[in-house]
Structures are given as structure tokens and as C-alpha cells.
ModelCIF file with pLDDT and N, C-alpha, C, O atoms, coordinates in Angstrom:
data_MODEL
#
_entry.id   MODEL 
#
_entity.id                         1 
_entity.type                       polymer 
_entity.pdbx_number_of_molecules   1 
#
_entity_poly.entity_id                      1 
_entity_poly.type                           'polypeptide(L)' 
_entity_poly.nstd_linkage                   no 
_entity_poly.nstd_monomer                   no 
_entity_poly.pdbx_seq_one_letter_code       
;(UNK)(UNK)(UNK)(UNK)(UNK)(UNK)(UNK)(UNK)(UNK)(UNK)(UNK)(UNK)(UNK)(UNK)(UNK)(UNK)
(UNK)(UNK)(UNK)(UNK)(UNK)(UNK)(UNK)(UNK)(UNK)(UNK)(UNK)(UNK)(UNK)(UNK)
;
_entity_poly.pdbx_seq_one_letter_code_can   XXXXXXXXXXXXXXXXXXXXXXXXXXXXXX 
_entity_poly.pdbx_strand_id                 A 
#
loop_
_entity_poly_seq.entity_id 
_entity_poly_seq.num 
_entity_poly_seq.mon_id 
_entity_poly_seq.hetero 
1 1  UNK n 
1 2  UNK n 
1 3  UNK n 
1 4  UNK n 
1 5  UNK n 
1 6  UNK n 
1 7  UNK n 
1 8  UNK n 
1 9  UNK n 
1 10 UNK n 
1 11 UNK n 
1 12 UNK n 
1 13 UNK n 
1 14 UNK n 
1 15 UNK n 
1 16 UNK n 
1 17 UNK n 
1 18 UNK n 
1 19 UNK n 
1 20 UNK n 
1 21 UNK n 
1 22 UNK n 
1 23 UNK n 
1 24 UNK n 
1 25 UNK n 
1 26 UNK n 
1 27 UNK n 
1 28 UNK n 
1 29 UNK n 
1 30 UNK n 
#
_struct_asym.id          A 
_struct_asym.entity_id   1 
#
loop_
_ma_qa_metric.id 
_ma_qa_metric.mode 
_ma_qa_metric.name 
_ma_qa_metric.software_group_id 
_ma_qa_metric.type 
1 global pLDDT . pLDDT 
2 local  pLDDT . pLDDT 
#
_ma_qa_metric_global.metric_id      1 
_ma_qa_metric_global.metric_value   81.93 
_ma_qa_metric_global.model_id       1 
_ma_qa_metric_global.ordinal_id     1 
#
loop_
_ma_qa_metric_local.label_asym_id 
_ma_qa_metric_local.label_comp_id 
_ma_qa_metric_local.label_seq_id 
_ma_qa_metric_local.metric_id 
_ma_qa_metric_local.metric_value 
_ma_qa_metric_local.model_id 
_ma_qa_metric_local.ordinal_id 
A UNK 1  2 93.00 1 1  
A UNK 2  2 95.00 1 2  
A UNK 3  2 93.00 1 3  
A UNK 4  2 94.00 1 4  
A UNK 5  2 90.00 1 5  
A UNK 6  2 90.00 1 6  
A UNK 7  2 84.00 1 7  
A UNK 8  2 84.00 1 8  
A UNK 9  2 78.00 1 9  
A UNK 10 2 71.00 1 10 
A UNK 11 2 70.00 1 11 
A UNK 12 2 78.00 1 12 
A UNK 13 2 82.00 1 13 
A UNK 14 2 87.00 1 14 
A UNK 15 2 86.00 1 15 
A UNK 16 2 90.00 1 16 
A UNK 17 2 89.00 1 17 
A UNK 18 2 92.00 1 18 
A UNK 19 2 88.00 1 19 
A UNK 20 2 88.00 1 20 
A UNK 21 2 81.00 1 21 
A UNK 22 2 83.00 1 22 
A UNK 23 2 76.00 1 23 
A UNK 24 2 77.00 1 24 
A UNK 25 2 63.00 1 25 
A UNK 26 2 62.00 1 26 
A UNK 27 2 69.00 1 27 
A UNK 28 2 73.00 1 28 
A UNK 29 2 73.00 1 29 
A UNK 30 2 79.00 1 30 
#
loop_
_atom_site.group_PDB 
_atom_site.id 
_atom_site.type_symbol 
_atom_site.label_atom_id 
_atom_site.label_alt_id 
_atom_site.label_comp_id 
_atom_site.label_asym_id 
_atom_site.label_entity_id 
_atom_site.label_seq_id 
_atom_site.pdbx_PDB_ins_code 
_atom_site.Cartn_x 
_atom_site.Cartn_y 
_atom_site.Cartn_z 
_atom_site.occupancy 
_atom_site.B_iso_or_equiv 
_atom_site.pdbx_formal_charge 
_atom_site.auth_seq_id 
_atom_site.auth_comp_id 
_atom_site.auth_asym_id 
_atom_site.auth_atom_id 
_atom_site.pdbx_PDB_model_num 
ATOM 1   N N  . UNK A 1 1  ? -9.153  18.545 -7.472  1.00 93.00 ? 1  UNK A N  1 
ATOM 2   C CA . UNK A 1 1  ? -9.707  18.719 -5.944  1.00 93.00 ? 1  UNK A CA 1 
ATOM 3   C C  . UNK A 1 1  ? -10.094 20.252 -5.830  1.00 93.00 ? 1  UNK A C  1 
ATOM 4   O O  . UNK A 1 1  ? -9.524  21.174 -6.416  1.00 93.00 ? 1  UNK A O  1 
ATOM 5   N N  . UNK A 1 2  ? -11.157 20.348 -4.975  1.00 95.00 ? 2  UNK A N  1 
ATOM 6   C CA . UNK A 1 2  ? -11.682 21.635 -4.536  1.00 95.00 ? 2  UNK A CA 1 
ATOM 7   C C  . UNK A 1 2  ? -12.056 21.659 -3.116  1.00 95.00 ? 2  UNK A C  1 
ATOM 8   O O  . UNK A 1 2  ? -12.381 20.579 -2.622  1.00 95.00 ? 2  UNK A O  1 
ATOM 9   N N  . UNK A 1 3  ? -12.066 22.691 -2.388  1.00 93.00 ? 3  UNK A N  1 
ATOM 10  C CA . UNK A 1 3  ? -12.201 22.602 -1.113  1.00 93.00 ? 3  UNK A CA 1 
ATOM 11  C C  . UNK A 1 3  ? -12.318 24.169 -0.475  1.00 93.00 ? 3  UNK A C  1 
ATOM 12  O O  . UNK A 1 3  ? -11.958 25.150 -1.126  1.00 93.00 ? 3  UNK A O  1 
ATOM 13  N N  . UNK A 1 4  ? -12.846 24.254 0.822   1.00 94.00 ? 4  UNK A N  1 
ATOM 14  C CA . UNK A 1 4  ? -12.993 25.390 1.542   1.00 94.00 ? 4  UNK A CA 1 
ATOM 15  C C  . UNK A 1 4  ? -12.629 25.124 2.931   1.00 94.00 ? 4  UNK A C  1 
ATOM 16  O O  . UNK A 1 4  ? -13.093 24.113 3.458   1.00 94.00 ? 4  UNK A O  1 
ATOM 17  N N  . UNK A 1 5  ? -11.788 25.971 3.657   1.00 90.00 ? 5  UNK A N  1 
ATOM 18  C CA . UNK A 1 5  ? -11.403 26.106 5.101   1.00 90.00 ? 5  UNK A CA 1 
ATOM 19  C C  . UNK A 1 5  ? -12.014 27.290 5.808   1.00 90.00 ? 5  UNK A C  1 
ATOM 20  O O  . UNK A 1 5  ? -12.034 28.424 5.330   1.00 90.00 ? 5  UNK A O  1 
ATOM 21  N N  . UNK A 1 6  ? -12.518 26.943 6.994   1.00 90.00 ? 6  UNK A N  1 
ATOM 22  C CA . UNK A 1 6  ? -13.211 28.076 7.759   1.00 90.00 ? 6  UNK A CA 1 
ATOM 23  C C  . UNK A 1 6  ? -12.704 27.802 9.208   1.00 90.00 ? 6  UNK A C  1 
ATOM 24  O O  . UNK A 1 6  ? -12.888 26.770 9.853   1.00 90.00 ? 6  UNK A O  1 
ATOM 25  N N  . UNK A 1 7  ? -11.979 29.011 9.631   1.00 84.00 ? 7  UNK A N  1 
ATOM 26  C CA . UNK A 1 7  ? -11.377 28.827 11.045  1.00 84.00 ? 7  UNK A CA 1 
ATOM 27  C C  . UNK A 1 7  ? -12.231 30.091 11.738  1.00 84.00 ? 7  UNK A C  1 
ATOM 28  O O  . UNK A 1 7  ? -12.306 31.206 11.221  1.00 84.00 ? 7  UNK A O  1 
ATOM 29  N N  . UNK A 1 8  ? -12.887 29.696 13.053  1.00 84.00 ? 8  UNK A N  1 
ATOM 30  C CA . UNK A 1 8  ? -13.640 30.601 13.745  1.00 84.00 ? 8  UNK A CA 1 
ATOM 31  C C  . UNK A 1 8  ? -12.686 31.325 14.872  1.00 84.00 ? 8  UNK A C  1 
ATOM 32  O O  . UNK A 1 8  ? -11.755 30.625 15.273  1.00 84.00 ? 8  UNK A O  1 
ATOM 33  N N  . UNK A 1 9  ? -12.787 32.420 15.335  1.00 78.00 ? 9  UNK A N  1 
ATOM 34  C CA . UNK A 1 9  ? -12.007 32.824 16.680  1.00 78.00 ? 9  UNK A CA 1 
ATOM 35  C C  . UNK A 1 9  ? -12.150 32.017 17.706  1.00 78.00 ? 9  UNK A C  1 
ATOM 36  O O  . UNK A 1 9  ? -11.197 31.861 18.470  1.00 78.00 ? 9  UNK A O  1 
ATOM 37  N N  . UNK A 1 10 ? -13.392 31.337 17.924  1.00 71.00 ? 10 UNK A N  1 
ATOM 38  C CA . UNK A 1 10 ? -13.633 30.229 19.184  1.00 71.00 ? 10 UNK A CA 1 
ATOM 39  C C  . UNK A 1 10 ? -13.058 29.158 18.984  1.00 71.00 ? 10 UNK A C  1 
ATOM 40  O O  . UNK A 1 10 ? -13.458 28.187 19.628  1.00 71.00 ? 10 UNK A O  1 
ATOM 41  N N  . UNK A 1 11 ? -11.963 28.990 18.053  1.00 70.00 ? 11 UNK A N  1 
ATOM 42  C CA . UNK A 1 11 ? -11.282 27.736 17.976  1.00 70.00 ? 11 UNK A CA 1 
ATOM 43  C C  . UNK A 1 11 ? -11.695 26.752 17.197  1.00 70.00 ? 11 UNK A C  1 
ATOM 44  O O  . UNK A 1 11 ? -10.928 25.851 16.858  1.00 70.00 ? 11 UNK A O  1 
ATOM 45  N N  . UNK A 1 12 ? -12.934 26.804 16.826  1.00 78.00 ? 12 UNK A N  1 
ATOM 46  C CA . UNK A 1 12 ? -13.649 25.808 15.884  1.00 78.00 ? 12 UNK A CA 1 
ATOM 47  C C  . UNK A 1 12 ? -13.008 26.026 14.454  1.00 78.00 ? 12 UNK A C  1 
ATOM 48  O O  . UNK A 1 12 ? -12.561 27.092 14.032  1.00 78.00 ? 12 UNK A O  1 
ATOM 49  N N  . UNK A 1 13 ? -13.050 24.793 13.776  1.00 82.00 ? 13 UNK A N  1 
ATOM 50  C CA . UNK A 1 13 ? -12.760 24.906 12.270  1.00 82.00 ? 13 UNK A CA 1 
ATOM 51  C C  . UNK A 1 13 ? -13.610 23.728 11.481  1.00 82.00 ? 13 UNK A C  1 
ATOM 52  O O  . UNK A 1 13 ? -13.876 22.621 11.950  1.00 82.00 ? 13 UNK A O  1 
ATOM 53  N N  . UNK A 1 14 ? -13.939 24.179 10.294  1.00 87.00 ? 14 UNK A N  1 
ATOM 54  C CA . UNK A 1 14 ? -14.437 23.359 9.314   1.00 87.00 ? 14 UNK A CA 1 
ATOM 55  C C  . UNK A 1 14 ? -13.587 23.352 8.016   1.00 87.00 ? 14 UNK A C  1 
ATOM 56  O O  . UNK A 1 14 ? -13.201 24.357 7.420   1.00 87.00 ? 14 UNK A O  1 
ATOM 57  N N  . UNK A 1 15 ? -13.336 21.945 7.640   1.00 86.00 ? 15 UNK A N  1 
ATOM 58  C CA . UNK A 1 15 ? -12.793 21.858 6.461   1.00 86.00 ? 15 UNK A CA 1 
ATOM 59  C C  . UNK A 1 15 ? -13.668 20.761 5.467   1.00 86.00 ? 15 UNK A C  1 
ATOM 60  O O  . UNK A 1 15 ? -14.182 19.729 5.900   1.00 86.00 ? 15 UNK A O  1 
ATOM 61  N N  . UNK A 1 16 ? -13.716 21.169 4.189   1.00 90.00 ? 16 UNK A N  1 
ATOM 62  C CA . UNK A 1 16 ? -14.563 20.404 3.342   1.00 90.00 ? 16 UNK A CA 1 
ATOM 63  C C  . UNK A 1 16 ? -13.745 20.348 1.966   1.00 90.00 ? 16 UNK A C  1 
ATOM 64  O O  . UNK A 1 16 ? -13.376 21.369 1.385   1.00 90.00 ? 16 UNK A O  1 
ATOM 65  N N  . UNK A 1 17 ? -13.498 19.033 1.499   1.00 89.00 ? 17 UNK A N  1 
ATOM 66  C CA . UNK A 1 17 ? -12.751 18.603 0.225   1.00 89.00 ? 17 UNK A CA 1 
ATOM 67  C C  . UNK A 1 17 ? -13.402 17.872 -0.470  1.00 89.00 ? 17 UNK A C  1 
ATOM 68  O O  . UNK A 1 17 ? -13.930 16.913 0.094   1.00 89.00 ? 17 UNK A O  1 
ATOM 69  N N  . UNK A 1 18 ? -13.604 18.049 -1.934  1.00 92.00 ? 18 UNK A N  1 
ATOM 70  C CA . UNK A 1 18 ? -14.117 17.129 -2.957  1.00 92.00 ? 18 UNK A CA 1 
ATOM 71  C C  . UNK A 1 18 ? -12.950 16.791 -3.874  1.00 92.00 ? 18 UNK A C  1 
ATOM 72  O O  . UNK A 1 18 ? -12.317 17.662 -4.470  1.00 92.00 ? 18 UNK A O  1 
ATOM 73  N N  . UNK A 1 19 ? -12.701 15.525 -3.958  1.00 88.00 ? 19 UNK A N  1 
ATOM 74  C CA . UNK A 1 19 ? -11.651 15.135 -5.096  1.00 88.00 ? 19 UNK A CA 1 
ATOM 75  C C  . UNK A 1 19 ? -12.220 14.025 -6.047  1.00 88.00 ? 19 UNK A C  1 
ATOM 76  O O  . UNK A 1 19 ? -13.057 13.185 -5.717  1.00 88.00 ? 19 UNK A O  1 
ATOM 77  N N  . UNK A 1 20 ? -11.645 14.149 -7.256  1.00 88.00 ? 20 UNK A N  1 
ATOM 78  C CA . UNK A 1 20 ? -11.976 13.281 -8.161  1.00 88.00 ? 20 UNK A CA 1 
ATOM 79  C C  . UNK A 1 20 ? -10.605 12.551 -8.736  1.00 88.00 ? 20 UNK A C  1 
ATOM 80  O O  . UNK A 1 20 ? -9.762  13.330 -9.182  1.00 88.00 ? 20 UNK A O  1 
ATOM 81  N N  . UNK A 1 21 ? -10.321 11.272 -8.769  1.00 81.00 ? 21 UNK A N  1 
ATOM 82  C CA . UNK A 1 21 ? -9.136  10.792 -9.221  1.00 81.00 ? 21 UNK A CA 1 
ATOM 83  C C  . UNK A 1 21 ? -9.387  10.038 -10.509 1.00 81.00 ? 21 UNK A C  1 
ATOM 84  O O  . UNK A 1 21 ? -10.003 8.978  -10.390 1.00 81.00 ? 21 UNK A O  1 
ATOM 85  N N  . UNK A 1 22 ? -9.021  10.402 -11.688 1.00 83.00 ? 22 UNK A N  1 
ATOM 86  C CA . UNK A 1 22 ? -9.329  9.736  -13.009 1.00 83.00 ? 22 UNK A CA 1 
ATOM 87  C C  . UNK A 1 22 ? -8.332  9.197  -13.817 1.00 83.00 ? 22 UNK A C  1 
ATOM 88  O O  . UNK A 1 22 ? -7.549  9.919  -14.435 1.00 83.00 ? 22 UNK A O  1 
ATOM 89  N N  . UNK A 1 23 ? -8.299  7.846  -13.863 1.00 76.00 ? 23 UNK A N  1 
ATOM 90  C CA . UNK A 1 23 ? -7.224  6.951  -14.768 1.00 76.00 ? 23 UNK A CA 1 
ATOM 91  C C  . UNK A 1 23 ? -7.920  6.930  -16.054 1.00 76.00 ? 23 UNK A C  1 
ATOM 92  O O  . UNK A 1 23 ? -9.072  6.500  -16.127 1.00 76.00 ? 23 UNK A O  1 
ATOM 93  N N  . UNK A 1 24 ? -7.224  7.413  -17.170 1.00 77.00 ? 24 UNK A N  1 
ATOM 94  C CA . UNK A 1 24 ? -7.431  7.417  -18.314 1.00 77.00 ? 24 UNK A CA 1 
ATOM 95  C C  . UNK A 1 24 ? -7.683  5.907  -18.899 1.00 77.00 ? 24 UNK A C  1 
ATOM 96  O O  . UNK A 1 24 ? -6.826  5.028  -18.813 1.00 77.00 ? 24 UNK A O  1 
ATOM 97  N N  . UNK A 1 25 ? -8.971  5.716  -19.506 1.00 63.00 ? 25 UNK A N  1 
ATOM 98  C CA . UNK A 1 25 ? -9.361  4.345  -20.155 1.00 63.00 ? 25 UNK A CA 1 
ATOM 99  C C  . UNK A 1 25 ? -9.835  3.508  -19.069 1.00 63.00 ? 25 UNK A C  1 
ATOM 100 O O  . UNK A 1 25 ? -10.475 2.499  -19.363 1.00 63.00 ? 25 UNK A O  1 
ATOM 101 N N  . UNK A 1 26 ? -9.598  3.800  -17.801 1.00 62.00 ? 26 UNK A N  1 
ATOM 102 C CA . UNK A 1 26 ? -10.111 2.676  -16.741 1.00 62.00 ? 26 UNK A CA 1 
ATOM 103 C C  . UNK A 1 26 ? -11.125 3.061  -15.877 1.00 62.00 ? 26 UNK A C  1 
ATOM 104 O O  . UNK A 1 26 ? -11.884 2.240  -15.362 1.00 62.00 ? 26 UNK A O  1 
ATOM 105 N N  . UNK A 1 27 ? -11.192 4.364  -15.667 1.00 69.00 ? 27 UNK A N  1 
ATOM 106 C CA . UNK A 1 27 ? -12.344 4.597  -14.743 1.00 69.00 ? 27 UNK A CA 1 
ATOM 107 C C  . UNK A 1 27 ? -11.962 5.648  -13.691 1.00 69.00 ? 27 UNK A C  1 
ATOM 108 O O  . UNK A 1 27 ? -10.762 5.915  -13.614 1.00 69.00 ? 27 UNK A O  1 
ATOM 109 N N  . UNK A 1 28 ? -12.908 6.353  -12.776 1.00 73.00 ? 28 UNK A N  1 
ATOM 110 C CA . UNK A 1 28 ? -12.478 7.192  -11.684 1.00 73.00 ? 28 UNK A CA 1 
ATOM 111 C C  . UNK A 1 28 ? -13.103 6.854  -10.427 1.00 73.00 ? 28 UNK A C  1 
ATOM 112 O O  . UNK A 1 28 ? -14.032 6.052  -10.330 1.00 73.00 ? 28 UNK A O  1 
ATOM 113 N N  . UNK A 1 29 ? -12.510 7.557  -9.347  1.00 73.00 ? 29 UNK A N  1 
ATOM 114 C CA . UNK A 1 29 ? -13.223 7.569  -8.099  1.00 73.00 ? 29 UNK A CA 1 
ATOM 115 C C  . UNK A 1 29 ? -13.510 8.960  -7.588  1.00 73.00 ? 29 UNK A C  1 
ATOM 116 O O  . UNK A 1 29 ? -12.912 9.917  -8.081  1.00 73.00 ? 29 UNK A O  1 
ATOM 117 N N  . UNK A 1 30 ? -14.385 9.117  -6.633  1.00 79.00 ? 30 UNK A N  1 
ATOM 118 C CA . UNK A 1 30 ? -14.880 10.472 -6.070  1.00 79.00 ? 30 UNK A CA 1 
ATOM 119 C C  . UNK A 1 30 ? -14.704 10.253 -4.680  1.00 79.00 ? 30 UNK A C  1 
ATOM 120 O O  . UNK A 1 30 ? -14.998 11.136 -3.874  1.00 79.00 ? 30 UNK A O  1 
#
């Protein structure tokens, strides 16, 4: 998983996360 969090003084916030779940020999999901 990788991501970034941004919180502004005006009480706004942005969160972005990318993740990959990999099961050996069977496949993965993004």
C-alpha cells in the first residue's frame, strides 16, 4: 500500500491510497 494525506487549514482534507493484494500462485487485486 502507498498513499498520501493532505490536510488544509480551512478544514479540508484529501486522502489517496493505492493497494495491491497478491495471493501467491492464484492472482492479485488492485
